[in-house]
């Protein structure tokens, strides 16, 4: 494609509704997979990317993978951005709810996937970009132990410098600047006040 042609293209995306009520997953099964199958098939759980601030489970269609590779494919949704990863660094807002959502989805898979012909003893988690980072985090997390058996990280690991920071200090600063303007001598408020701001 000619690069100049890119400027003439109209890029449109359907409107995306956002809500904290987002704990959904999609299940794609091979045609023969059903509860009670003699040979339950493996399960692949896809964690979408999007820098932990964007993306959606429905953005990935697992039907072709399920049909051609004889696996049950599950795509999961989790809370993103501030709703999923905001932390004050103390008990007021511990953060990482997005990761806890992913663990909840993996627990659901362990309990229910056999009803769809999947084998809960053959679960592989995989993801790209921030999804790969999530996979990397789940591999080392004690709360996800036993919920999956294999992992594929596609471009993303948990030790990225941008993920290891004191983000609560940045949030204090931005909150104070929004309240008082750029001439403020910054005295961060309490984390409790920030959570209920």
N, C-alpha and C. Protein backbone atom coordinates (compact mmCIF):
# COMPACT_ATOMS: atom_id res chain seq x y z
N UNK A 1 0.84 -1.18 0.00
CA UNK A 1 0.00 0.00 0.00
C UNK A 1 0.88 1.24 0.00
N UNK A 2 0.47 2.20 -0.71
CA UNK A 2 1.13 3.48 -0.81
C UNK A 2 0.93 4.27 0.50
N UNK A 3 2.02 4.79 1.13
CA UNK A 3 1.87 5.51 2.40
C UNK A 3 0.95 6.73 2.30
N UNK A 4 0.94 7.39 1.14
CA UNK A 4 0.06 8.54 0.99
C UNK A 4 -1.41 8.11 1.07
N UNK A 5 -1.68 6.88 0.65
CA UNK A 5 -3.04 6.37 0.69
C UNK A 5 -3.57 6.22 2.11
N UNK A 6 -2.66 6.09 3.07
CA UNK A 6 -3.09 5.95 4.46
C UNK A 6 -3.80 7.20 4.95
N UNK A 7 -3.38 8.35 4.47
CA UNK A 7 -4.02 9.58 4.93
C UNK A 7 -5.43 9.70 4.39
N UNK A 8 -5.72 9.03 3.28
CA UNK A 8 -7.05 9.09 2.69
C UNK A 8 -8.01 8.06 3.30
N UNK A 9 -7.46 7.11 4.01
CA UNK A 9 -8.32 6.07 4.59
C UNK A 9 -9.07 6.61 5.79
N UNK A 10 -10.33 6.28 5.84
CA UNK A 10 -11.11 6.66 7.02
C UNK A 10 -11.11 5.46 7.96
N UNK A 11 -10.58 5.67 9.13
CA UNK A 11 -10.52 4.61 10.11
C UNK A 11 -11.68 4.81 11.08
N UNK A 12 -12.54 3.84 11.13
CA UNK A 12 -13.67 3.94 12.05
C UNK A 12 -13.69 2.72 12.94
N UNK A 13 -14.06 2.95 14.16
CA UNK A 13 -14.22 1.86 15.11
C UNK A 13 -15.62 1.95 15.69
N UNK A 14 -16.23 0.82 15.92
CA UNK A 14 -17.56 0.87 16.53
C UNK A 14 -17.45 1.42 17.94
N UNK A 15 -18.50 2.08 18.42
CA UNK A 15 -18.44 2.59 19.80
C UNK A 15 -18.31 1.42 20.78
N UNK A 16 -17.53 1.65 21.79
CA UNK A 16 -17.29 0.62 22.79
C UNK A 16 -17.85 1.11 24.11
N UNK A 17 -18.76 0.36 24.67
CA UNK A 17 -19.28 0.75 25.97
C UNK A 17 -18.29 0.31 27.04
N UNK A 18 -18.15 1.14 28.06
CA UNK A 18 -17.23 0.84 29.15
C UNK A 18 -18.00 0.76 30.45
N UNK A 19 -17.61 -0.18 31.28
CA UNK A 19 -18.27 -0.36 32.56
C UNK A 19 -17.36 -1.19 33.45
N UNK A 20 -17.48 -0.96 34.75
CA UNK A 20 -16.75 -1.82 35.68
C UNK A 20 -17.39 -3.20 35.72
N UNK A 21 -18.60 -3.32 35.22
CA UNK A 21 -19.28 -4.61 35.09
C UNK A 21 -18.76 -5.26 33.81
N UNK A 22 -17.54 -5.79 33.87
CA UNK A 22 -16.89 -6.25 32.65
C UNK A 22 -16.30 -7.65 32.76
N UNK A 23 -16.68 -8.39 33.76
CA UNK A 23 -16.07 -9.70 33.94
C UNK A 23 -16.78 -10.74 33.09
N UNK A 24 -16.38 -10.75 31.82
CA UNK A 24 -16.96 -11.64 30.83
C UNK A 24 -15.87 -12.49 30.22
N UNK A 25 -16.28 -13.60 29.63
CA UNK A 25 -15.36 -14.38 28.83
C UNK A 25 -16.12 -14.99 27.67
N UNK A 26 -15.39 -15.29 26.62
CA UNK A 26 -15.96 -15.92 25.42
C UNK A 26 -15.35 -17.31 25.30
N UNK A 27 -16.15 -18.27 24.88
CA UNK A 27 -15.68 -19.65 24.75
C UNK A 27 -15.92 -20.12 23.32
N UNK A 28 -14.87 -20.62 22.69
CA UNK A 28 -14.93 -21.17 21.34
C UNK A 28 -14.54 -22.64 21.44
N UNK A 29 -15.38 -23.52 20.90
CA UNK A 29 -15.11 -24.96 21.02
C UNK A 29 -15.03 -25.61 19.65
N UNK A 30 -14.25 -26.71 19.54
CA UNK A 30 -14.30 -27.50 18.32
C UNK A 30 -15.70 -28.09 18.18
N UNK A 31 -16.10 -28.42 16.98
CA UNK A 31 -17.46 -28.91 16.73
C UNK A 31 -17.79 -30.16 17.54
N UNK A 32 -16.82 -31.04 17.76
CA UNK A 32 -17.10 -32.30 18.46
C UNK A 32 -17.00 -32.19 19.98
N UNK A 33 -16.50 -31.08 20.50
CA UNK A 33 -16.31 -30.95 21.95
C UNK A 33 -17.64 -30.75 22.65
N UNK A 34 -17.87 -31.55 23.68
CA UNK A 34 -19.07 -31.40 24.49
C UNK A 34 -18.83 -32.05 25.84
N UNK A 35 -19.67 -31.72 26.78
CA UNK A 35 -19.54 -32.29 28.11
C UNK A 35 -19.59 -33.81 28.03
N UNK A 36 -18.65 -34.45 28.71
CA UNK A 36 -18.63 -35.90 28.72
C UNK A 36 -17.89 -36.52 27.55
N UNK A 37 -17.21 -35.71 26.74
CA UNK A 37 -16.43 -36.26 25.63
C UNK A 37 -15.42 -37.26 26.17
N UNK A 38 -15.20 -38.34 25.41
CA UNK A 38 -14.22 -39.34 25.83
C UNK A 38 -12.81 -38.76 25.89
N UNK A 39 -12.51 -37.87 24.98
CA UNK A 39 -11.19 -37.24 24.94
C UNK A 39 -11.34 -35.73 25.08
N UNK A 40 -11.45 -35.22 26.31
CA UNK A 40 -11.57 -33.78 26.45
C UNK A 40 -10.34 -33.10 25.86
N UNK A 41 -10.57 -31.98 25.24
CA UNK A 41 -9.49 -31.28 24.55
C UNK A 41 -8.84 -30.25 25.47
N UNK A 42 -7.62 -29.87 25.09
CA UNK A 42 -6.91 -28.85 25.84
C UNK A 42 -7.62 -27.51 25.76
N UNK A 43 -7.22 -26.61 26.64
CA UNK A 43 -7.84 -25.30 26.76
C UNK A 43 -6.76 -24.24 26.61
N UNK A 44 -7.03 -23.22 25.80
CA UNK A 44 -6.13 -22.08 25.67
C UNK A 44 -6.88 -20.83 26.08
N UNK A 45 -6.35 -20.12 27.08
CA UNK A 45 -6.97 -18.91 27.60
C UNK A 45 -6.17 -17.71 27.11
N UNK A 46 -6.81 -16.86 26.28
CA UNK A 46 -6.18 -15.68 25.69
C UNK A 46 -6.41 -14.47 26.58
N UNK A 47 -5.32 -13.76 26.91
CA UNK A 47 -5.40 -12.50 27.65
C UNK A 47 -4.98 -11.39 26.70
N UNK A 48 -5.91 -10.50 26.41
CA UNK A 48 -5.67 -9.46 25.40
C UNK A 48 -4.65 -8.42 25.87
N UNK A 49 -4.03 -7.77 24.91
CA UNK A 49 -3.12 -6.68 25.19
C UNK A 49 -3.85 -5.35 25.19
N UNK A 50 -3.08 -4.27 25.25
CA UNK A 50 -3.66 -2.93 25.25
C UNK A 50 -3.08 -2.05 26.34
N UNK A 51 -1.85 -2.31 26.76
CA UNK A 51 -1.15 -1.51 27.76
C UNK A 51 -1.87 -1.46 29.11
N UNK A 52 -2.71 -2.45 29.38
CA UNK A 52 -3.50 -2.53 30.61
C UNK A 52 -4.49 -1.38 30.75
N UNK A 53 -4.72 -0.66 29.67
CA UNK A 53 -5.69 0.45 29.70
C UNK A 53 -6.75 0.33 28.61
N UNK A 54 -6.55 -0.54 27.63
CA UNK A 54 -7.49 -0.68 26.52
C UNK A 54 -7.53 -2.14 26.10
N UNK A 55 -8.47 -2.46 25.24
CA UNK A 55 -8.59 -3.81 24.72
C UNK A 55 -9.85 -4.48 25.21
N UNK A 56 -10.18 -5.60 24.56
CA UNK A 56 -11.39 -6.32 24.95
C UNK A 56 -11.31 -7.77 24.52
N UNK A 57 -11.97 -8.61 25.29
CA UNK A 57 -11.98 -10.04 25.01
C UNK A 57 -12.61 -10.33 23.66
N UNK A 58 -13.63 -9.58 23.30
CA UNK A 58 -14.32 -9.83 22.03
C UNK A 58 -13.52 -9.37 20.82
N UNK A 59 -12.38 -8.74 21.04
CA UNK A 59 -11.53 -8.31 19.94
C UNK A 59 -10.75 -9.45 19.31
N UNK A 60 -10.75 -10.60 19.94
CA UNK A 60 -10.03 -11.77 19.42
C UNK A 60 -11.02 -12.90 19.18
N UNK A 61 -11.07 -13.36 17.94
CA UNK A 61 -11.98 -14.44 17.57
C UNK A 61 -11.22 -15.76 17.66
N UNK A 62 -11.61 -16.59 18.60
CA UNK A 62 -10.93 -17.86 18.80
C UNK A 62 -11.51 -19.02 18.01
N UNK A 63 -12.48 -18.75 17.13
CA UNK A 63 -13.17 -19.85 16.44
C UNK A 63 -12.25 -20.62 15.49
N UNK A 64 -11.38 -19.94 14.78
CA UNK A 64 -10.49 -20.63 13.83
C UNK A 64 -9.49 -21.50 14.59
N UNK A 65 -8.92 -20.96 15.65
CA UNK A 65 -7.98 -21.74 16.46
C UNK A 65 -8.68 -22.97 17.05
N UNK A 66 -9.89 -22.79 17.55
CA UNK A 66 -10.64 -23.92 18.12
C UNK A 66 -10.94 -24.98 17.06
N UNK A 67 -11.28 -24.56 15.86
CA UNK A 67 -11.64 -25.50 14.80
C UNK A 67 -10.43 -26.22 14.22
N UNK A 68 -9.32 -25.53 14.08
CA UNK A 68 -8.17 -26.12 13.40
C UNK A 68 -7.18 -26.80 14.34
N UNK A 69 -7.14 -26.41 15.58
CA UNK A 69 -6.16 -26.98 16.50
C UNK A 69 -6.77 -27.88 17.57
N UNK A 70 -8.08 -28.11 17.48
CA UNK A 70 -8.74 -29.01 18.42
C UNK A 70 -8.51 -28.60 19.88
N UNK A 71 -8.73 -27.34 20.17
CA UNK A 71 -8.65 -26.83 21.54
C UNK A 71 -9.89 -25.99 21.82
N UNK A 72 -10.23 -25.89 23.09
CA UNK A 72 -11.24 -24.94 23.52
C UNK A 72 -10.50 -23.63 23.77
N UNK A 73 -10.96 -22.55 23.17
CA UNK A 73 -10.32 -21.25 23.33
C UNK A 73 -11.23 -20.37 24.18
N UNK A 74 -10.64 -19.75 25.19
CA UNK A 74 -11.36 -18.84 26.06
C UNK A 74 -10.67 -17.49 25.98
N UNK A 75 -11.43 -16.43 25.71
CA UNK A 75 -10.87 -15.07 25.75
C UNK A 75 -11.51 -14.38 26.94
N UNK A 76 -10.70 -13.71 27.75
CA UNK A 76 -11.21 -13.14 29.00
C UNK A 76 -11.14 -11.62 28.99
N UNK A 77 -12.05 -11.01 29.71
CA UNK A 77 -12.06 -9.56 29.91
C UNK A 77 -11.70 -9.29 31.37
N UNK A 78 -11.04 -8.19 31.61
CA UNK A 78 -10.67 -7.80 32.96
C UNK A 78 -10.69 -6.28 33.05
N UNK A 79 -10.77 -5.77 34.28
CA UNK A 79 -10.80 -4.32 34.46
C UNK A 79 -9.48 -3.72 34.00
N UNK A 80 -9.58 -2.54 33.41
CA UNK A 80 -8.43 -1.87 32.80
C UNK A 80 -8.23 -0.49 33.41
N UNK A 81 -7.07 0.09 33.14
CA UNK A 81 -6.79 1.46 33.55
C UNK A 81 -6.91 1.64 35.06
N UNK A 82 -7.46 2.77 35.45
CA UNK A 82 -7.60 3.10 36.86
C UNK A 82 -8.48 2.07 37.57
N UNK A 83 -9.53 1.60 36.91
CA UNK A 83 -10.42 0.62 37.54
C UNK A 83 -9.72 -0.71 37.81
N UNK A 84 -8.69 -1.01 37.04
CA UNK A 84 -8.01 -2.29 37.20
C UNK A 84 -6.68 -2.23 37.90
N UNK A 85 -5.99 -1.09 37.85
CA UNK A 85 -4.60 -1.10 38.31
C UNK A 85 -4.20 0.09 39.18
N UNK A 86 -5.13 0.96 39.55
CA UNK A 86 -4.81 2.08 40.44
C UNK A 86 -4.39 1.55 41.81
N UNK A 87 -3.37 2.14 42.38
CA UNK A 87 -2.94 1.76 43.72
C UNK A 87 -2.43 2.98 44.46
N UNK A 88 -2.77 3.06 45.75
CA UNK A 88 -2.22 4.12 46.60
C UNK A 88 -0.97 3.64 47.31
N UNK A 89 -0.64 2.37 47.15
CA UNK A 89 0.55 1.84 47.81
C UNK A 89 0.31 1.46 49.26
N UNK A 90 -0.94 1.48 49.70
CA UNK A 90 -1.27 1.08 51.07
C UNK A 90 -2.62 0.36 51.08
N UNK A 91 -3.21 0.21 52.26
CA UNK A 91 -4.45 -0.55 52.39
C UNK A 91 -5.67 0.14 51.78
N UNK A 92 -5.61 1.42 51.47
CA UNK A 92 -6.78 2.13 50.94
C UNK A 92 -7.14 1.70 49.52
N UNK A 93 -6.16 1.42 48.71
CA UNK A 93 -6.40 0.93 47.35
C UNK A 93 -5.16 0.12 46.95
N UNK A 94 -5.23 -1.16 47.20
CA UNK A 94 -4.06 -2.02 46.97
C UNK A 94 -3.75 -2.22 45.48
N UNK A 95 -4.75 -2.07 44.64
CA UNK A 95 -4.52 -2.18 43.20
C UNK A 95 -4.50 -3.60 42.68
N UNK A 96 -4.17 -3.71 41.41
CA UNK A 96 -4.05 -4.99 40.72
C UNK A 96 -5.36 -5.77 40.62
N UNK A 97 -6.50 -5.07 40.63
CA UNK A 97 -7.78 -5.74 40.48
C UNK A 97 -7.89 -6.39 39.10
N UNK A 98 -7.26 -5.81 38.11
CA UNK A 98 -7.26 -6.41 36.78
C UNK A 98 -6.63 -7.80 36.80
N UNK A 99 -5.52 -7.95 37.54
CA UNK A 99 -4.90 -9.27 37.66
C UNK A 99 -5.79 -10.22 38.46
N UNK A 100 -6.45 -9.70 39.49
CA UNK A 100 -7.37 -10.55 40.26
C UNK A 100 -8.54 -11.00 39.40
N UNK A 101 -8.99 -10.15 38.48
CA UNK A 101 -10.04 -10.54 37.54
C UNK A 101 -9.56 -11.71 36.66
N UNK A 102 -8.31 -11.64 36.23
CA UNK A 102 -7.75 -12.72 35.41
C UNK A 102 -7.70 -14.03 36.20
N UNK A 103 -7.32 -13.94 37.47
CA UNK A 103 -7.29 -15.14 38.32
C UNK A 103 -8.71 -15.69 38.50
N UNK A 104 -9.69 -14.80 38.68
CA UNK A 104 -11.09 -15.24 38.81
C UNK A 104 -11.53 -15.97 37.55
N UNK A 105 -11.13 -15.47 36.39
CA UNK A 105 -11.48 -16.14 35.13
C UNK A 105 -10.84 -17.52 35.06
N UNK A 106 -9.59 -17.63 35.49
CA UNK A 106 -8.91 -18.93 35.47
C UNK A 106 -9.56 -19.91 36.46
N UNK A 107 -10.02 -19.40 37.59
CA UNK A 107 -10.75 -20.27 38.54
C UNK A 107 -12.05 -20.77 37.89
N UNK A 108 -12.74 -19.86 37.20
CA UNK A 108 -13.98 -20.24 36.52
C UNK A 108 -13.68 -21.34 35.50
N UNK A 109 -12.61 -21.17 34.74
CA UNK A 109 -12.23 -22.17 33.73
C UNK A 109 -12.01 -23.52 34.41
N UNK A 110 -11.30 -23.53 35.53
CA UNK A 110 -11.06 -24.80 36.23
C UNK A 110 -12.36 -25.46 36.66
N UNK A 111 -13.32 -24.67 37.08
CA UNK A 111 -14.59 -25.22 37.59
C UNK A 111 -15.58 -25.59 36.50
N UNK A 112 -15.58 -24.89 35.36
CA UNK A 112 -16.67 -25.02 34.40
C UNK A 112 -16.30 -25.50 33.00
N UNK A 113 -15.02 -25.49 32.64
CA UNK A 113 -14.67 -25.72 31.24
C UNK A 113 -15.00 -27.14 30.78
N UNK A 114 -15.06 -28.09 31.69
CA UNK A 114 -15.42 -29.46 31.31
C UNK A 114 -16.82 -29.51 30.70
N UNK A 115 -17.71 -28.60 31.08
CA UNK A 115 -19.06 -28.55 30.51
C UNK A 115 -19.02 -28.18 29.02
N UNK A 116 -17.90 -27.65 28.57
CA UNK A 116 -17.74 -27.26 27.17
C UNK A 116 -16.80 -28.21 26.43
N UNK A 117 -16.46 -29.34 27.06
CA UNK A 117 -15.59 -30.32 26.44
C UNK A 117 -14.12 -30.07 26.65
N UNK A 118 -13.77 -29.08 27.47
CA UNK A 118 -12.37 -28.77 27.73
C UNK A 118 -11.83 -29.53 28.92
N UNK A 119 -10.54 -29.76 28.93
CA UNK A 119 -9.88 -30.48 30.01
C UNK A 119 -9.24 -29.47 30.96
N UNK A 120 -9.75 -29.34 32.19
CA UNK A 120 -9.18 -28.39 33.13
C UNK A 120 -7.75 -28.74 33.56
N UNK A 121 -7.30 -29.94 33.23
CA UNK A 121 -5.93 -30.35 33.52
C UNK A 121 -4.96 -30.03 32.40
N UNK A 122 -5.45 -29.39 31.33
CA UNK A 122 -4.60 -29.02 30.19
C UNK A 122 -4.88 -27.57 29.79
N UNK A 123 -4.65 -26.65 30.70
CA UNK A 123 -4.92 -25.23 30.44
C UNK A 123 -3.62 -24.51 30.13
N UNK A 124 -3.60 -23.83 29.00
CA UNK A 124 -2.48 -22.98 28.60
C UNK A 124 -2.97 -21.54 28.59
N UNK A 125 -2.25 -20.65 29.27
CA UNK A 125 -2.58 -19.23 29.18
C UNK A 125 -1.63 -18.60 28.18
N UNK A 126 -2.16 -17.66 27.39
CA UNK A 126 -1.30 -16.97 26.43
C UNK A 126 -1.82 -15.57 26.20
N UNK A 127 -0.91 -14.67 25.84
CA UNK A 127 -1.30 -13.29 25.61
C UNK A 127 -0.20 -12.54 24.91
N UNK A 128 -0.59 -11.44 24.27
CA UNK A 128 0.35 -10.60 23.55
C UNK A 128 0.41 -9.22 24.16
N UNK A 129 1.60 -8.62 24.12
CA UNK A 129 1.82 -7.27 24.64
C UNK A 129 1.47 -7.25 26.13
N UNK A 130 0.54 -6.40 26.56
CA UNK A 130 0.17 -6.38 27.97
C UNK A 130 -0.41 -7.72 28.40
N UNK A 131 -1.00 -8.46 27.46
CA UNK A 131 -1.47 -9.81 27.77
C UNK A 131 -0.30 -10.73 28.10
N UNK A 132 0.82 -10.56 27.39
CA UNK A 132 2.03 -11.31 27.70
C UNK A 132 2.58 -10.93 29.06
N UNK A 133 2.49 -9.65 29.39
CA UNK A 133 2.90 -9.18 30.71
C UNK A 133 2.02 -9.83 31.79
N UNK A 134 0.72 -9.90 31.52
CA UNK A 134 -0.19 -10.55 32.46
C UNK A 134 0.17 -12.02 32.64
N UNK A 135 0.44 -12.70 31.54
CA UNK A 135 0.84 -14.11 31.61
C UNK A 135 2.08 -14.25 32.47
N UNK A 136 3.07 -13.39 32.25
CA UNK A 136 4.30 -13.42 33.02
C UNK A 136 4.02 -13.21 34.51
N UNK A 137 3.12 -12.29 34.82
CA UNK A 137 2.76 -12.04 36.22
C UNK A 137 2.05 -13.24 36.83
N UNK A 138 1.15 -13.86 36.07
CA UNK A 138 0.42 -15.02 36.57
C UNK A 138 1.34 -16.21 36.81
N UNK A 139 2.38 -16.34 35.99
CA UNK A 139 3.33 -17.45 36.15
C UNK A 139 4.01 -17.38 37.52
N UNK A 140 4.34 -16.19 37.99
CA UNK A 140 5.07 -16.05 39.25
C UNK A 140 4.16 -15.80 40.46
N UNK A 141 2.88 -15.64 40.24
CA UNK A 141 1.96 -15.32 41.34
C UNK A 141 1.50 -16.58 42.07
N UNK A 142 1.61 -16.58 43.40
CA UNK A 142 1.15 -17.75 44.15
C UNK A 142 -0.37 -17.94 44.08
N UNK A 143 -1.14 -16.88 43.84
CA UNK A 143 -2.60 -17.04 43.84
C UNK A 143 -3.12 -17.70 42.56
N UNK A 144 -2.28 -17.78 41.54
CA UNK A 144 -2.72 -18.45 40.31
C UNK A 144 -2.13 -19.86 40.18
N UNK A 145 -1.41 -20.28 41.18
CA UNK A 145 -0.78 -21.60 41.15
C UNK A 145 -1.83 -22.70 40.99
N UNK A 146 -1.60 -23.61 40.04
CA UNK A 146 -2.50 -24.73 39.80
C UNK A 146 -3.68 -24.42 38.89
N UNK A 147 -3.83 -23.16 38.48
CA UNK A 147 -4.96 -22.78 37.63
C UNK A 147 -4.65 -22.97 36.14
N UNK A 148 -3.38 -23.17 35.79
CA UNK A 148 -2.98 -23.41 34.40
C UNK A 148 -1.73 -24.26 34.43
N UNK A 149 -1.36 -24.80 33.27
CA UNK A 149 -0.27 -25.77 33.22
C UNK A 149 0.84 -25.38 32.26
N UNK A 150 0.54 -24.47 31.35
CA UNK A 150 1.52 -23.97 30.39
C UNK A 150 1.28 -22.49 30.17
N UNK A 151 2.31 -21.80 29.68
CA UNK A 151 2.17 -20.36 29.45
C UNK A 151 2.96 -19.95 28.22
N UNK A 152 2.36 -19.05 27.44
CA UNK A 152 3.02 -18.49 26.26
C UNK A 152 2.95 -16.97 26.38
N UNK A 153 4.13 -16.33 26.48
CA UNK A 153 4.20 -14.87 26.57
C UNK A 153 4.65 -14.32 25.23
N UNK A 154 3.80 -13.53 24.61
CA UNK A 154 4.13 -12.95 23.32
C UNK A 154 4.38 -11.45 23.53
N UNK A 155 5.63 -11.08 23.61
CA UNK A 155 6.06 -9.69 23.75
C UNK A 155 5.48 -9.01 24.98
N UNK A 156 6.03 -9.32 26.10
CA UNK A 156 5.64 -8.67 27.34
C UNK A 156 6.06 -9.52 28.52
N UNK A 157 6.72 -8.89 29.49
CA UNK A 157 7.12 -9.59 30.71
C UNK A 157 6.80 -8.71 31.91
N UNK A 158 6.66 -9.32 33.06
CA UNK A 158 6.23 -8.61 34.27
C UNK A 158 7.27 -7.61 34.77
N UNK A 159 8.51 -7.73 34.37
CA UNK A 159 9.55 -6.86 34.92
C UNK A 159 9.83 -5.64 34.05
N UNK A 160 8.86 -5.21 33.26
CA UNK A 160 9.05 -3.98 32.48
C UNK A 160 9.16 -2.79 33.43
N UNK A 161 10.13 -1.90 33.23
CA UNK A 161 10.31 -0.77 34.16
C UNK A 161 9.05 0.08 34.34
N UNK A 162 8.26 0.25 33.30
CA UNK A 162 7.07 1.08 33.42
C UNK A 162 6.02 0.47 34.35
N UNK A 163 6.09 -0.83 34.58
CA UNK A 163 5.12 -1.48 35.45
C UNK A 163 5.56 -1.50 36.91
N UNK A 164 6.82 -1.20 37.15
CA UNK A 164 7.35 -1.21 38.50
C UNK A 164 7.66 0.24 38.87
N UNK A 165 6.72 0.88 39.52
CA UNK A 165 6.91 2.29 39.85
C UNK A 165 6.02 2.67 41.01
N UNK A 166 6.23 3.86 41.50
CA UNK A 166 5.38 4.41 42.55
C UNK A 166 4.30 5.26 41.89
N UNK A 167 3.37 4.60 41.22
CA UNK A 167 2.34 5.33 40.48
C UNK A 167 1.45 6.14 41.40
N UNK A 168 1.30 5.72 42.65
CA UNK A 168 0.45 6.49 43.55
C UNK A 168 1.00 7.90 43.75
N UNK A 169 2.32 8.08 43.74
CA UNK A 169 2.90 9.43 43.86
C UNK A 169 2.52 10.28 42.65
N UNK A 170 2.54 9.70 41.46
CA UNK A 170 2.13 10.44 40.27
C UNK A 170 0.66 10.82 40.34
N UNK A 171 -0.17 9.90 40.84
CA UNK A 171 -1.60 10.18 40.95
C UNK A 171 -1.85 11.29 41.95
N UNK A 172 -1.15 11.28 43.10
CA UNK A 172 -1.27 12.37 44.07
C UNK A 172 -0.97 13.70 43.39
N UNK A 173 0.13 13.73 42.64
CA UNK A 173 0.54 14.96 41.98
C UNK A 173 -0.50 15.43 40.98
N UNK A 174 -0.97 14.55 40.12
CA UNK A 174 -1.97 14.93 39.12
C UNK A 174 -3.27 15.37 39.78
N UNK A 175 -3.67 14.68 40.84
CA UNK A 175 -4.90 15.04 41.54
C UNK A 175 -4.77 16.43 42.15
N UNK A 176 -3.64 16.69 42.79
CA UNK A 176 -3.43 18.00 43.41
C UNK A 176 -3.37 19.10 42.36
N UNK A 177 -2.71 18.84 41.24
CA UNK A 177 -2.64 19.85 40.18
C UNK A 177 -4.01 20.12 39.58
N UNK A 178 -4.82 19.08 39.43
CA UNK A 178 -6.18 19.29 38.91
C UNK A 178 -7.01 20.10 39.88
N UNK A 179 -6.78 19.93 41.18
CA UNK A 179 -7.55 20.66 42.19
C UNK A 179 -7.09 22.10 42.34
N UNK A 180 -5.78 22.30 42.33
CA UNK A 180 -5.23 23.59 42.74
C UNK A 180 -4.44 24.34 41.67
N UNK A 181 -4.23 23.73 40.54
CA UNK A 181 -3.52 24.41 39.46
C UNK A 181 -2.02 24.27 39.57
N UNK A 182 -1.29 24.77 38.57
CA UNK A 182 0.16 24.56 38.48
C UNK A 182 0.98 25.36 39.49
N UNK A 183 0.38 26.31 40.21
CA UNK A 183 1.15 27.11 41.17
C UNK A 183 1.17 26.46 42.55
N UNK A 184 0.62 25.29 42.67
CA UNK A 184 0.51 24.60 43.94
C UNK A 184 1.87 24.18 44.47
N UNK A 185 2.09 24.39 45.77
CA UNK A 185 3.20 23.76 46.46
C UNK A 185 2.65 22.43 46.94
N UNK A 186 3.15 21.37 46.39
CA UNK A 186 2.52 20.07 46.55
C UNK A 186 2.75 19.49 47.93
N UNK A 187 1.67 19.23 48.62
CA UNK A 187 1.65 18.46 49.86
C UNK A 187 0.64 17.34 49.63
N UNK A 188 1.06 16.15 49.27
CA UNK A 188 0.11 15.09 48.94
C UNK A 188 -0.89 14.86 50.07
N UNK A 189 -2.14 14.71 49.69
CA UNK A 189 -3.17 14.40 50.66
C UNK A 189 -3.06 12.93 51.05
N UNK A 190 -3.86 12.51 51.99
CA UNK A 190 -3.81 11.10 52.40
C UNK A 190 -4.33 10.22 51.28
N UNK A 191 -3.91 8.96 51.30
CA UNK A 191 -4.38 8.04 50.27
C UNK A 191 -5.87 7.80 50.40
N UNK A 192 -6.39 7.82 51.63
CA UNK A 192 -7.83 7.65 51.82
C UNK A 192 -8.61 8.78 51.19
N UNK A 193 -8.11 10.01 51.34
CA UNK A 193 -8.78 11.15 50.71
C UNK A 193 -8.72 11.04 49.20
N UNK A 194 -7.62 10.53 48.69
CA UNK A 194 -7.47 10.37 47.24
C UNK A 194 -8.45 9.34 46.70
N UNK A 195 -8.63 8.23 47.40
CA UNK A 195 -9.53 7.18 46.95
C UNK A 195 -10.96 7.69 46.90
N UNK A 196 -11.34 8.52 47.85
CA UNK A 196 -12.72 9.00 47.91
C UNK A 196 -12.89 10.38 47.29
N UNK A 197 -11.86 10.86 46.55
CA UNK A 197 -11.89 12.17 45.90
C UNK A 197 -12.95 12.24 44.85
